[in-house]
């Protein structure tokens, strides 16, 4: 059973890395062509995320730290 969990964890980790690699590419695509990627407006989504965290005050800052901790290298394995 542990093997299944490790396999699933590795798969989801790889999928997350793939999606994180697509974010800069989709931003560049939007800047160069002015069209959305797969029907998703990445710039508008990032803008609303940042403004939402900014309007959240201290709670927004705490959420930002928590989200950044997910992507920081050297986490527990």
Protein backbone atom coordinates (compact mmCIF):
# COMPACT_ATOMS: atom_id res chain seq x y z
CA UNK A 1 0.00 0.00 0.00
CA UNK A 2 2.90 2.33 0.72
CA UNK A 3 4.14 1.76 -2.83
CA UNK A 4 0.80 2.96 -4.22
CA UNK A 5 0.91 6.12 -2.10
CA UNK A 6 4.48 6.84 -3.19
CA UNK A 7 3.54 6.32 -6.83
CA UNK A 8 0.53 8.60 -6.49
CA UNK A 9 2.57 11.22 -4.65
CA UNK A 10 5.26 11.18 -7.36
CA UNK A 11 2.63 11.43 -10.09
CA UNK A 12 0.86 14.39 -8.48
CA UNK A 13 4.19 16.08 -7.75
CA UNK A 14 5.19 15.76 -11.39
CA UNK A 15 1.82 17.04 -12.52
CA UNK A 16 2.20 20.06 -10.23
CA UNK A 17 5.66 20.79 -11.65
CA UNK A 18 4.25 20.58 -15.16
CA UNK A 19 1.48 23.07 -14.38
CA UNK A 20 3.95 25.43 -12.69
CA UNK A 21 6.13 25.28 -15.81
CA UNK A 22 3.12 26.19 -17.96
CA UNK A 23 2.39 29.41 -16.06
CA UNK A 24 5.38 31.44 -17.41
CA UNK A 25 4.83 30.04 -20.90
CA UNK A 26 1.17 31.04 -20.85
CA UNK A 27 2.05 34.53 -19.56
CA UNK A 28 4.54 34.93 -22.40
CA UNK A 29 1.96 33.66 -24.88
CA UNK A 30 -0.60 36.19 -23.63
CA UNK A 31 1.91 39.05 -23.83
CA UNK A 32 3.03 38.15 -27.34
CA UNK A 33 -0.30 37.22 -28.91
CA UNK A 34 -2.93 38.88 -26.69
CA UNK A 35 -5.06 35.74 -26.62
CA UNK A 36 -5.79 33.37 -23.77
CA UNK A 37 -4.33 29.89 -23.46
CA UNK A 38 -6.89 27.05 -23.46
CA UNK A 39 -9.60 29.62 -22.71
CA UNK A 40 -7.93 30.73 -19.48
CA UNK A 41 -6.85 34.35 -19.03
CA UNK A 42 -3.76 33.83 -16.88
CA UNK A 43 -2.99 37.54 -16.47
CA UNK A 44 -6.49 38.34 -15.18
CA UNK A 45 -6.38 35.39 -12.78
CA UNK A 46 -2.97 36.39 -11.39
CA UNK A 47 -4.08 40.01 -11.09
CA UNK A 48 -7.20 39.07 -9.14
CA UNK A 49 -5.17 36.73 -6.91
CA UNK A 50 -2.63 39.41 -6.05
CA UNK A 51 -5.28 42.09 -5.49
CA UNK A 52 -7.29 39.71 -3.31
CA UNK A 53 -4.26 38.95 -1.17
CA UNK A 54 -3.41 42.66 -1.01
CA UNK A 55 -6.89 43.59 0.15
CA UNK A 56 -6.76 40.85 2.78
CA UNK A 57 -4.27 42.77 4.93
CA UNK A 58 -2.58 40.58 7.52
CA UNK A 59 -4.68 37.54 6.63
CA UNK A 60 -3.63 37.93 2.99
CA UNK A 61 0.00 38.03 4.07
CA UNK A 62 -0.42 34.87 6.14
CA UNK A 63 -2.08 33.09 3.20
CA UNK A 64 0.73 34.22 0.89
CA UNK A 65 3.35 32.81 3.29
CA UNK A 66 1.47 29.52 3.53
CA UNK A 67 1.13 29.21 -0.25
CA UNK A 68 4.80 30.08 -0.78
CA UNK A 69 5.80 27.42 1.74
CA UNK A 70 4.25 24.78 -0.52
CA UNK A 71 6.62 25.74 -3.32
CA UNK A 72 9.77 26.31 -1.26
CA UNK A 73 12.54 23.75 -1.84
CA UNK A 74 13.78 21.61 1.02
CA UNK A 75 10.42 20.57 2.39
CA UNK A 76 9.79 17.36 4.26
CA UNK A 77 10.00 14.16 2.28
